[in-house]
Amino acid sequence: MRQGSCHCGKIAFTLAAEPTEAIECNCSHCSRKGYLLAFFPHDTLVLTTPRENLATYTFNRHVLQHHFCPACGCAPFAEGQGPKGPMVAVNLRCVEGIDRGALTVKQVDGKSF
């Protein structure tokens, strides 16, 4: 079980999954935010702060609801529908104790989507 949060702590969560791989996408949104994303079934992420603390941004096809903190601006995760059902895309830069060197990081050409 890992802990994650935005910078100020207004959004906090537990992650009941151990990330081994992630993506770095070159689309305008991901590159501006500096995302390092890992995808999991929706029930592996549990908010430990009120859902009302989330602000949400969608763009393009509105497939993902990108959640961010209105106080500090950090964007710790997104929610959406994946091929196998509801999923979360967790920004691993907002999760404690992640060893980036131990992850397999795939580069995604999101500019071409």
N, C-alpha and C. Protein backbone atom coordinates (compact mmCIF):
# COMPACT_ATOMS: atom_id res chain seq x y z
N MET A 1 0.85 -1.18 0.00
CA MET A 1 0.00 0.00 0.00
C MET A 1 0.89 1.24 0.00
N ARG A 2 0.67 2.11 -0.95
CA ARG A 2 1.44 3.36 -1.03
C ARG A 2 0.52 4.54 -0.76
N GLN A 3 1.13 5.63 -0.29
CA GLN A 3 0.42 6.87 -0.02
C GLN A 3 0.75 7.87 -1.12
N GLY A 4 -0.22 8.68 -1.47
CA GLY A 4 0.01 9.73 -2.45
C GLY A 4 -0.78 10.97 -2.08
N SER A 5 -0.36 12.10 -2.66
CA SER A 5 -1.07 13.35 -2.38
C SER A 5 -0.62 14.43 -3.35
N CYS A 6 -1.37 15.53 -3.31
CA CYS A 6 -0.91 16.74 -3.98
C CYS A 6 0.14 17.38 -3.07
N HIS A 7 0.69 18.50 -3.46
CA HIS A 7 1.75 19.15 -2.69
C HIS A 7 1.28 19.62 -1.32
N CYS A 8 0.09 20.20 -1.25
CA CYS A 8 -0.39 20.76 0.03
C CYS A 8 -1.13 19.75 0.90
N GLY A 9 -1.48 18.59 0.34
CA GLY A 9 -2.17 17.56 1.11
C GLY A 9 -3.68 17.64 1.09
N LYS A 10 -4.24 18.60 0.38
CA LYS A 10 -5.69 18.74 0.30
C LYS A 10 -6.32 17.55 -0.43
N ILE A 11 -5.54 16.92 -1.32
CA ILE A 11 -5.94 15.69 -1.98
C ILE A 11 -4.95 14.62 -1.56
N ALA A 12 -5.45 13.56 -0.94
CA ALA A 12 -4.59 12.45 -0.51
C ALA A 12 -5.30 11.14 -0.83
N PHE A 13 -4.50 10.09 -1.04
CA PHE A 13 -5.07 8.80 -1.42
C PHE A 13 -4.12 7.68 -1.04
N THR A 14 -4.66 6.47 -1.02
CA THR A 14 -3.84 5.27 -0.92
C THR A 14 -3.93 4.55 -2.25
N LEU A 15 -2.84 3.88 -2.59
CA LEU A 15 -2.76 3.11 -3.83
C LEU A 15 -2.44 1.67 -3.46
N ALA A 16 -3.38 0.78 -3.71
CA ALA A 16 -3.21 -0.64 -3.37
C ALA A 16 -2.67 -1.40 -4.57
N ALA A 17 -1.61 -0.90 -5.15
CA ALA A 17 -0.96 -1.55 -6.29
C ALA A 17 0.50 -1.12 -6.29
N GLU A 18 1.35 -1.98 -6.79
CA GLU A 18 2.77 -1.66 -6.87
C GLU A 18 3.12 -1.38 -8.32
N PRO A 19 3.40 -0.12 -8.64
CA PRO A 19 3.72 0.21 -10.03
C PRO A 19 5.07 -0.36 -10.46
N THR A 20 5.09 -0.95 -11.64
CA THR A 20 6.33 -1.45 -12.22
C THR A 20 6.63 -0.78 -13.56
N GLU A 21 5.60 -0.20 -14.15
CA GLU A 21 5.79 0.51 -15.42
C GLU A 21 4.95 1.77 -15.44
N ALA A 22 5.35 2.68 -16.31
CA ALA A 22 4.68 3.97 -16.42
C ALA A 22 4.84 4.48 -17.85
N ILE A 23 4.08 5.52 -18.15
CA ILE A 23 4.23 6.16 -19.45
C ILE A 23 4.59 7.63 -19.26
N GLU A 24 5.35 8.13 -20.19
CA GLU A 24 5.58 9.57 -20.35
C GLU A 24 5.05 9.91 -21.73
N CYS A 25 4.09 10.80 -21.78
CA CYS A 25 3.41 11.16 -23.02
C CYS A 25 3.87 12.55 -23.45
N ASN A 26 4.02 12.75 -24.75
CA ASN A 26 4.48 14.05 -25.25
C ASN A 26 3.34 14.96 -25.70
N CYS A 27 2.08 14.63 -25.34
CA CYS A 27 0.99 15.53 -25.70
C CYS A 27 1.14 16.84 -24.94
N SER A 28 0.44 17.86 -25.38
CA SER A 28 0.60 19.18 -24.77
C SER A 28 0.24 19.19 -23.29
N HIS A 29 -0.77 18.44 -22.89
CA HIS A 29 -1.19 18.43 -21.49
C HIS A 29 -0.19 17.67 -20.61
N CYS A 30 0.14 16.45 -20.99
CA CYS A 30 1.06 15.64 -20.17
C CYS A 30 2.45 16.26 -20.07
N SER A 31 2.95 16.81 -21.17
CA SER A 31 4.29 17.39 -21.12
C SER A 31 4.31 18.66 -20.28
N ARG A 32 3.26 19.45 -20.32
CA ARG A 32 3.21 20.66 -19.48
C ARG A 32 3.09 20.30 -18.00
N LYS A 33 2.36 19.25 -17.69
CA LYS A 33 2.17 18.83 -16.29
C LYS A 33 3.33 17.98 -15.77
N GLY A 34 4.13 17.41 -16.68
CA GLY A 34 5.23 16.56 -16.25
C GLY A 34 4.77 15.21 -15.72
N TYR A 35 3.67 14.70 -16.26
CA TYR A 35 3.11 13.43 -15.79
C TYR A 35 4.06 12.26 -15.99
N LEU A 36 4.04 11.36 -15.03
CA LEU A 36 4.61 10.03 -15.12
C LEU A 36 3.46 9.12 -14.69
N LEU A 37 2.72 8.58 -15.66
CA LEU A 37 1.44 7.93 -15.38
C LEU A 37 1.53 6.41 -15.37
N ALA A 38 0.82 5.83 -14.41
CA ALA A 38 0.61 4.38 -14.36
C ALA A 38 -0.89 4.14 -14.26
N PHE A 39 -1.37 3.13 -14.96
CA PHE A 39 -2.80 2.85 -15.05
C PHE A 39 -3.15 1.62 -14.22
N PHE A 40 -4.26 1.74 -13.46
CA PHE A 40 -4.70 0.67 -12.57
C PHE A 40 -6.22 0.57 -12.59
N PRO A 41 -6.77 -0.58 -12.17
CA PRO A 41 -8.22 -0.65 -11.97
C PRO A 41 -8.66 0.42 -10.97
N HIS A 42 -9.84 0.96 -11.17
CA HIS A 42 -10.33 2.08 -10.36
C HIS A 42 -10.29 1.81 -8.86
N ASP A 43 -10.59 0.60 -8.45
CA ASP A 43 -10.68 0.32 -7.01
C ASP A 43 -9.33 0.22 -6.30
N THR A 44 -8.23 0.36 -7.02
CA THR A 44 -6.92 0.33 -6.35
C THR A 44 -6.56 1.67 -5.73
N LEU A 45 -7.27 2.73 -6.10
CA LEU A 45 -7.03 4.06 -5.53
C LEU A 45 -8.21 4.42 -4.63
N VAL A 46 -7.89 4.78 -3.39
CA VAL A 46 -8.92 5.19 -2.43
C VAL A 46 -8.58 6.58 -1.93
N LEU A 47 -9.48 7.52 -2.17
CA LEU A 47 -9.29 8.88 -1.65
C LEU A 47 -9.39 8.85 -0.13
N THR A 48 -8.49 9.55 0.54
CA THR A 48 -8.54 9.66 2.00
C THR A 48 -8.91 11.08 2.42
N THR A 49 -9.22 11.91 1.46
CA THR A 49 -9.70 13.27 1.69
C THR A 49 -11.03 13.42 0.94
N PRO A 50 -11.82 14.43 1.26
CA PRO A 50 -13.14 14.55 0.62
C PRO A 50 -13.05 14.74 -0.90
N ARG A 51 -13.93 14.08 -1.61
CA ARG A 51 -13.99 14.19 -3.07
C ARG A 51 -14.25 15.63 -3.51
N GLU A 52 -14.90 16.40 -2.66
CA GLU A 52 -15.18 17.81 -2.96
C GLU A 52 -13.90 18.63 -3.09
N ASN A 53 -12.78 18.12 -2.61
CA ASN A 53 -11.50 18.84 -2.72
C ASN A 53 -10.93 18.80 -4.14
N LEU A 54 -11.47 17.93 -4.99
CA LEU A 54 -10.96 17.78 -6.35
C LEU A 54 -11.54 18.83 -7.29
N ALA A 55 -10.68 19.39 -8.12
CA ALA A 55 -11.11 20.15 -9.29
C ALA A 55 -10.82 19.24 -10.48
N THR A 56 -11.55 19.42 -11.57
CA THR A 56 -11.44 18.49 -12.70
C THR A 56 -11.28 19.25 -14.01
N TYR A 57 -10.43 18.68 -14.87
CA TYR A 57 -10.20 19.23 -16.20
C TYR A 57 -10.30 18.10 -17.21
N THR A 58 -11.02 18.33 -18.30
CA THR A 58 -11.05 17.39 -19.41
C THR A 58 -10.72 18.14 -20.69
N PHE A 59 -10.24 17.40 -21.67
CA PHE A 59 -9.91 18.02 -22.96
C PHE A 59 -9.99 16.97 -24.05
N ASN A 60 -9.82 17.40 -25.27
CA ASN A 60 -9.81 16.53 -26.45
C ASN A 60 -11.10 15.72 -26.49
N ARG A 61 -11.01 14.40 -26.35
CA ARG A 61 -12.20 13.54 -26.43
C ARG A 61 -12.90 13.38 -25.08
N HIS A 62 -12.39 14.00 -24.04
CA HIS A 62 -12.98 13.95 -22.69
C HIS A 62 -13.09 12.53 -22.15
N VAL A 63 -12.09 11.71 -22.47
CA VAL A 63 -12.07 10.32 -22.02
C VAL A 63 -11.62 10.23 -20.56
N LEU A 64 -10.68 11.08 -20.17
CA LEU A 64 -10.18 11.09 -18.79
C LEU A 64 -10.60 12.36 -18.08
N GLN A 65 -10.95 12.21 -16.81
CA GLN A 65 -11.22 13.36 -15.96
C GLN A 65 -9.95 13.58 -15.14
N HIS A 66 -9.18 14.57 -15.52
CA HIS A 66 -7.92 14.88 -14.84
C HIS A 66 -8.23 15.69 -13.59
N HIS A 67 -7.93 15.13 -12.44
CA HIS A 67 -8.21 15.80 -11.17
C HIS A 67 -6.97 16.54 -10.69
N PHE A 68 -7.19 17.72 -10.15
CA PHE A 68 -6.08 18.51 -9.62
C PHE A 68 -6.55 19.26 -8.38
N CYS A 69 -5.58 19.75 -7.63
CA CYS A 69 -5.87 20.49 -6.41
C CYS A 69 -6.04 21.97 -6.74
N PRO A 70 -7.17 22.57 -6.38
CA PRO A 70 -7.35 23.99 -6.66
C PRO A 70 -6.48 24.89 -5.79
N ALA A 71 -5.91 24.33 -4.72
CA ALA A 71 -5.05 25.14 -3.84
C ALA A 71 -3.60 25.17 -4.33
N CYS A 72 -3.00 24.00 -4.60
CA CYS A 72 -1.58 23.97 -4.97
C CYS A 72 -1.34 23.68 -6.45
N GLY A 73 -2.36 23.21 -7.16
CA GLY A 73 -2.24 22.98 -8.60
C GLY A 73 -1.76 21.60 -9.00
N CYS A 74 -1.31 20.78 -8.06
CA CYS A 74 -0.83 19.44 -8.41
C CYS A 74 -1.96 18.59 -8.96
N ALA A 75 -1.61 17.71 -9.90
CA ALA A 75 -2.59 16.83 -10.54
C ALA A 75 -2.20 15.38 -10.25
N PRO A 76 -2.70 14.80 -9.15
CA PRO A 76 -2.23 13.48 -8.75
C PRO A 76 -2.83 12.30 -9.50
N PHE A 77 -4.01 12.43 -10.09
CA PHE A 77 -4.57 11.29 -10.81
C PHE A 77 -5.71 11.72 -11.73
N ALA A 78 -6.07 10.79 -12.59
CA ALA A 78 -7.21 10.97 -13.49
C ALA A 78 -8.08 9.72 -13.41
N GLU A 79 -9.33 9.85 -13.79
CA GLU A 79 -10.25 8.72 -13.80
C GLU A 79 -10.87 8.61 -15.18
N GLY A 80 -11.17 7.38 -15.56
CA GLY A 80 -11.81 7.18 -16.85
C GLY A 80 -12.25 5.75 -17.04
N GLN A 81 -12.69 5.47 -18.25
CA GLN A 81 -13.14 4.14 -18.62
C GLN A 81 -12.07 3.52 -19.49
N GLY A 82 -11.52 2.40 -19.05
CA GLY A 82 -10.52 1.68 -19.83
C GLY A 82 -11.15 0.50 -20.54
N PRO A 83 -10.36 -0.23 -21.31
CA PRO A 83 -10.89 -1.39 -22.04
C PRO A 83 -11.46 -2.47 -21.11
N LYS A 84 -10.94 -2.52 -19.87
CA LYS A 84 -11.39 -3.55 -18.92
C LYS A 84 -12.30 -2.97 -17.84
N GLY A 85 -12.79 -1.76 -18.04
CA GLY A 85 -13.68 -1.15 -17.06
C GLY A 85 -13.11 0.12 -16.47
N PRO A 86 -13.69 0.61 -15.37
CA PRO A 86 -13.24 1.85 -14.75
C PRO A 86 -11.77 1.76 -14.33
N MET A 87 -11.02 2.83 -14.58
CA MET A 87 -9.60 2.83 -14.25
C MET A 87 -9.17 4.20 -13.74
N VAL A 88 -7.97 4.20 -13.15
CA VAL A 88 -7.32 5.44 -12.73
C VAL A 88 -5.96 5.51 -13.39
N ALA A 89 -5.56 6.72 -13.72
CA ALA A 89 -4.22 7.01 -14.22
C ALA A 89 -3.54 7.82 -13.12
N VAL A 90 -2.60 7.21 -12.43
CA VAL A 90 -1.97 7.83 -11.27
C VAL A 90 -0.67 8.49 -11.69
N ASN A 91 -0.51 9.75 -11.31
CA ASN A 91 0.74 10.47 -11.54
C ASN A 91 1.73 10.00 -10.47
N LEU A 92 2.65 9.14 -10.86
CA LEU A 92 3.57 8.54 -9.89
C LEU A 92 4.48 9.57 -9.23
N ARG A 93 4.58 10.76 -9.79
CA ARG A 93 5.37 11.81 -9.15
C ARG A 93 4.68 12.31 -7.87
N CYS A 94 3.42 11.93 -7.67
CA CYS A 94 2.66 12.32 -6.47
C CYS A 94 2.53 11.17 -5.48
N VAL A 95 3.25 10.07 -5.71
CA VAL A 95 3.18 8.90 -4.83
C VAL A 95 4.50 8.77 -4.09
N GLU A 96 4.41 8.57 -2.78
CA GLU A 96 5.60 8.48 -1.94
C GLU A 96 6.41 7.21 -2.23
N GLY A 97 7.73 7.35 -2.22
CA GLY A 97 8.63 6.21 -2.26
C GLY A 97 8.79 5.52 -3.60
N ILE A 98 8.39 6.16 -4.68
CA ILE A 98 8.55 5.54 -6.00
C ILE A 98 10.00 5.67 -6.45
N ASP A 99 10.59 4.55 -6.81
CA ASP A 99 11.95 4.54 -7.36
C ASP A 99 11.82 4.58 -8.88
N ARG A 100 11.97 5.77 -9.45
CA ARG A 100 11.78 5.93 -10.89
C ARG A 100 12.73 5.04 -11.68
N GLY A 101 13.92 4.82 -11.16
CA GLY A 101 14.90 3.97 -11.85
C GLY A 101 14.48 2.52 -11.94
N ALA A 102 13.58 2.09 -11.07
CA ALA A 102 13.11 0.70 -11.08
C ALA A 102 11.91 0.50 -12.01
N LEU A 103 11.37 1.59 -12.54
CA LEU A 103 10.21 1.50 -13.42
C LEU A 103 10.62 1.31 -14.88
N THR A 104 9.83 0.58 -15.61
CA THR A 104 9.95 0.55 -17.06
C THR A 104 9.09 1.70 -17.57
N VAL A 105 9.72 2.69 -18.19
CA VAL A 105 8.99 3.88 -18.65
C VAL A 105 8.88 3.84 -20.17
N LYS A 106 7.65 3.85 -20.65
CA LYS A 106 7.37 3.81 -22.08
C LYS A 106 7.06 5.23 -22.55
N GLN A 107 7.68 5.65 -23.63
CA GLN A 107 7.40 6.95 -24.24
C GLN A 107 6.18 6.79 -25.17
N VAL A 108 5.21 7.67 -24.99
CA VAL A 108 3.98 7.61 -25.80
C VAL A 108 3.90 8.88 -26.64
N ASP A 109 3.62 8.71 -27.93
CA ASP A 109 3.51 9.84 -28.84
C ASP A 109 2.08 10.37 -28.86
N GLY A 110 1.69 11.03 -27.78
CA GLY A 110 0.34 11.57 -27.66
C GLY A 110 0.08 12.74 -28.59
N LYS A 111 1.13 13.38 -29.09
CA LYS A 111 0.93 14.47 -30.06
C LYS A 111 0.23 13.98 -31.31
N SER A 112 0.38 12.70 -31.59
CA SER A 112 -0.19 12.12 -32.81
C SER A 112 -1.62 11.62 -32.63
N PHE A 113 -2.16 11.67 -31.44
CA PHE A 113 -3.52 11.14 -31.20
C PHE A 113 -4.55 12.01 -31.86
